[in-house]
């Protein structure tokens, strides 16, 4: 709506240039803060402090998707090959970070950002969120009696994994809300979606 108003004002000013005494003297003093509308950081919904739980939950779900893919794949690979608990957990964490970053990279590159900038955005947006998620997720599995020794065929394996991801989501959502509210985390990604 603001853009339309400025266009009307610009065309109104442009019409004055045909009149005697107005040629070439169009004043745009009132438009000093609107040059090209390049800076959209003031949009409602992106201002620090105005972040809702829904936005934080979406950001967390985005991270959780990458983490879940990595976690499940890492545990499946480690368990299938009969690796020890520590090696399996390390692989699951590495893959969780890999897939978490990959999902963000994909969306930012799709928005037309070069790969180098997209990498910086992904690291800034996801590192703390994935780290918290992995800490909680792996902590729940490590503390759950028998979960570390469960195999792919055990209900305990899948139950512990599902619960650990759910707990990680609940704990990480407030972290993402806090970060987005300060212009960090997924707030960095949102700048490239306009």
Protein backbone atom coordinates (compact mmCIF):
# COMPACT_ATOMS: atom_id res chain seq x y z
CA UNK A 1 0.00 0.00 0.00
CA UNK A 2 2.86 2.34 0.84
CA UNK A 3 4.43 1.72 -2.57
CA UNK A 4 1.18 2.69 -4.37
CA UNK A 5 0.92 5.92 -2.39
CA UNK A 6 4.48 6.88 -3.32
CA UNK A 7 3.81 6.13 -7.00
CA UNK A 8 0.74 8.40 -6.94
CA UNK A 9 2.82 11.13 -5.30
CA UNK A 10 5.62 10.68 -7.84
CA UNK A 11 3.18 10.88 -10.78
CA UNK A 12 1.57 13.94 -9.13
CA UNK A 13 5.00 15.62 -8.93
CA UNK A 14 5.80 14.58 -12.48
CA UNK A 15 2.61 16.29 -13.71
CA UNK A 16 3.82 19.61 -12.26
CA UNK A 17 6.90 19.65 -14.48
CA UNK A 18 4.71 20.55 -17.51
CA UNK A 19 3.42 23.71 -15.88
CA UNK A 20 5.17 27.05 -16.16
CA UNK A 21 7.48 27.73 -13.25
CA UNK A 22 7.72 24.05 -12.27
CA UNK A 23 9.99 22.59 -14.93
CA UNK A 24 12.87 20.69 -13.39
CA UNK A 25 12.06 21.91 -9.86
CA UNK A 26 10.30 18.81 -8.57
CA UNK A 27 11.09 18.43 -4.88
CA UNK A 28 11.38 14.96 -3.43
CA UNK A 29 12.42 16.08 0.03
CA UNK A 30 9.58 14.12 1.59
CA UNK A 31 10.86 10.93 -0.03
CA UNK A 32 14.38 10.93 1.38
CA UNK A 33 13.79 7.78 3.40
CA UNK A 34 12.22 5.89 0.51
CA UNK A 35 15.04 5.62 -2.01
CA UNK A 36 14.39 2.38 -3.85
CA UNK A 37 12.82 0.84 -0.75
CA UNK A 38 16.00 -1.23 -0.48
CA UNK A 39 15.93 -1.76 3.26
CA UNK A 40 12.96 -3.94 4.22
CA UNK A 41 14.28 -4.76 7.67
CA UNK A 42 11.45 -2.76 9.25
CA UNK A 43 8.68 -5.01 7.92
CA UNK A 44 6.16 -6.09 10.53
CA UNK A 45 6.93 -9.64 11.59
CA UNK A 46 10.69 -9.24 11.16
CA UNK A 47 11.31 -6.61 13.78
CA UNK A 48 13.24 -7.75 16.83
CA UNK A 49 10.84 -8.35 19.69
CA UNK A 50 7.73 -9.03 17.54
CA UNK A 51 8.29 -12.76 17.00
CA UNK A 52 5.38 -15.08 17.62
CA UNK A 53 5.48 -18.69 18.74
CA UNK A 54 4.22 -19.83 15.32
CA UNK A 55 7.28 -18.38 13.56
CA UNK A 56 9.60 -19.91 16.15
CA UNK A 57 7.86 -23.28 15.81
CA UNK A 58 8.22 -23.17 11.99
CA UNK A 59 11.94 -22.40 12.31
CA UNK A 60 12.35 -25.23 14.82
CA UNK A 61 10.39 -27.65 12.63
CA UNK A 62 12.68 -26.72 9.73
CA UNK A 63 15.73 -27.57 11.87
CA UNK A 64 14.05 -30.66 13.28
CA UNK A 65 13.43 -32.03 9.78
CA UNK A 66 17.13 -31.88 8.89
CA UNK A 67 18.14 -33.22 12.30
CA UNK A 68 15.66 -36.08 12.12
CA UNK A 69 16.88 -37.13 8.66
CA UNK A 70 20.49 -37.07 9.88
CA UNK A 71 19.74 -38.76 13.21
CA UNK A 72 17.71 -41.57 11.70
CA UNK A 73 20.16 -42.15 8.86
CA UNK A 74 23.14 -42.11 11.25
CA UNK A 75 21.51 -44.52 13.69
CA UNK A 76 20.33 -46.82 10.90
CA UNK A 77 23.82 -46.92 9.35
CA UNK A 78 25.59 -47.39 12.71
CA UNK A 79 23.16 -50.04 13.90
CA UNK A 80 23.13 -51.88 10.57
CA UNK A 81 26.93 -52.07 10.53
CA UNK A 82 27.11 -53.06 14.20
CA UNK A 83 29.09 -49.98 15.21
CA UNK A 84 29.45 -49.07 18.87
CA UNK A 85 27.21 -46.52 20.54
CA UNK A 86 29.75 -43.69 20.41
CA UNK A 87 30.58 -44.10 16.70
CA UNK A 88 26.88 -44.32 15.83
CA UNK A 89 26.04 -41.23 17.88
CA UNK A 90 28.90 -39.21 16.33
CA UNK A 91 27.75 -40.18 12.81
CA UNK A 92 24.15 -39.28 13.68
CA UNK A 93 25.22 -35.84 14.99
CA UNK A 94 27.43 -35.12 11.96
CA UNK A 95 24.62 -36.09 9.58
CA UNK A 96 22.09 -34.04 11.59
CA UNK A 97 24.22 -30.92 11.12
CA UNK A 98 24.80 -31.77 7.46
CA UNK A 99 21.10 -32.18 6.64
CA UNK A 100 20.07 -29.26 8.86
CA UNK A 101 22.44 -26.92 7.03
CA UNK A 102 21.52 -28.45 3.65
CA UNK A 103 17.82 -27.62 3.98
CA UNK A 104 18.60 -23.99 4.79
CA UNK A 105 21.21 -23.79 2.02
CA UNK A 106 18.68 -25.09 -0.48
CA UNK A 107 16.05 -22.47 0.39
CA UNK A 108 18.53 -19.57 0.46
CA UNK A 109 20.23 -20.55 -2.84
CA UNK A 110 16.74 -20.89 -4.36
CA UNK A 111 16.16 -17.25 -3.40
CA UNK A 112 19.07 -16.29 -5.70
CA UNK A 113 21.89 -15.98 -3.16
CA UNK A 114 25.41 -17.11 -4.09
CA UNK A 115 26.74 -20.26 -2.42
CA UNK A 116 29.32 -18.50 -0.24
CA UNK A 117 26.73 -16.12 1.23
CA UNK A 118 24.23 -18.97 1.54
CA UNK A 119 26.76 -20.97 3.60
CA UNK A 120 27.25 -18.02 5.98
CA UNK A 121 23.47 -17.63 6.30
CA UNK A 122 22.99 -21.35 7.02
CA UNK A 123 25.71 -21.39 9.68
CA UNK A 124 24.32 -18.23 11.32
CA UNK A 125 20.73 -19.47 11.17
CA UNK A 126 21.10 -23.07 12.26
CA UNK A 127 24.21 -23.70 14.35
CA UNK A 128 22.80 -22.92 17.81
CA UNK A 129 19.41 -24.43 17.01
CA UNK A 130 20.88 -27.73 15.75
CA UNK A 131 23.38 -27.85 18.62
CA UNK A 132 20.62 -27.47 21.25
CA UNK A 133 18.45 -29.98 19.41
CA UNK A 134 21.25 -32.55 19.20
CA UNK A 135 22.20 -32.08 22.85
CA UNK A 136 18.62 -32.71 24.00
CA UNK A 137 17.91 -35.45 21.48
CA UNK A 138 21.04 -37.47 22.21
CA UNK A 139 20.75 -36.76 25.93
CA UNK A 140 17.27 -38.32 26.04
CA UNK A 141 18.45 -41.41 24.12
CA UNK A 142 21.56 -41.77 26.31
CA UNK A 143 19.51 -41.52 29.53
CA UNK A 144 16.67 -43.81 28.39
CA UNK A 145 17.43 -47.28 29.83
CA UNK A 146 18.22 -49.72 27.03
CA UNK A 147 17.70 -47.20 24.18
CA UNK A 148 21.39 -47.14 23.24
CA UNK A 149 21.45 -50.92 22.84
CA UNK A 150 18.16 -51.23 20.93
CA UNK A 151 18.29 -52.43 17.32
CA UNK A 152 16.32 -51.27 14.27
CA UNK A 153 13.81 -54.09 14.81
CA UNK A 154 13.05 -52.97 18.39
CA UNK A 155 10.06 -50.77 19.17
CA UNK A 156 12.23 -49.17 21.86
CA UNK A 157 14.65 -47.87 19.18
CA UNK A 158 11.92 -46.01 17.27
CA UNK A 159 9.98 -44.97 20.39
CA UNK A 160 13.06 -43.46 22.06
CA UNK A 161 14.03 -41.70 18.82
CA UNK A 162 10.54 -40.23 18.33
CA UNK A 163 10.29 -39.05 21.93
CA UNK A 164 13.81 -37.58 21.91
CA UNK A 165 13.01 -35.56 18.76
CA UNK A 166 9.72 -34.35 20.31
CA UNK A 167 11.50 -33.23 23.49
CA UNK A 168 14.20 -31.54 21.38
CA UNK A 169 11.49 -29.64 19.47
CA UNK A 170 9.82 -28.42 22.69
CA UNK A 171 13.12 -27.26 24.22
CA UNK A 172 14.53 -25.67 21.03
CA UNK A 173 11.42 -23.63 20.07
CA UNK A 174 11.93 -21.01 22.85
CA UNK A 175 15.63 -20.79 21.86
CA UNK A 176 14.64 -20.03 18.26
CA UNK A 177 12.02 -17.50 19.42
CA UNK A 178 14.66 -15.70 21.47
CA UNK A 179 17.17 -15.72 18.59
CA UNK A 180 14.70 -14.56 15.92
CA UNK A 181 13.51 -11.82 18.26
CA UNK A 182 17.06 -10.46 18.29
CA UNK A 183 17.49 -10.64 14.51
CA UNK A 184 19.55 -13.83 14.67
CA UNK A 185 18.93 -17.48 13.78
CA UNK A 186 16.19 -17.93 11.19
CA UNK A 187 15.60 -14.17 11.09
CA UNK A 188 18.73 -14.14 8.91
CA UNK A 189 17.07 -16.59 6.49
CA UNK A 190 13.85 -14.53 6.31
CA UNK A 191 15.80 -11.57 4.90
CA UNK A 192 16.40 -13.57 1.75
CA UNK A 193 12.80 -14.61 1.20
CA UNK A 194 11.58 -11.24 -0.12
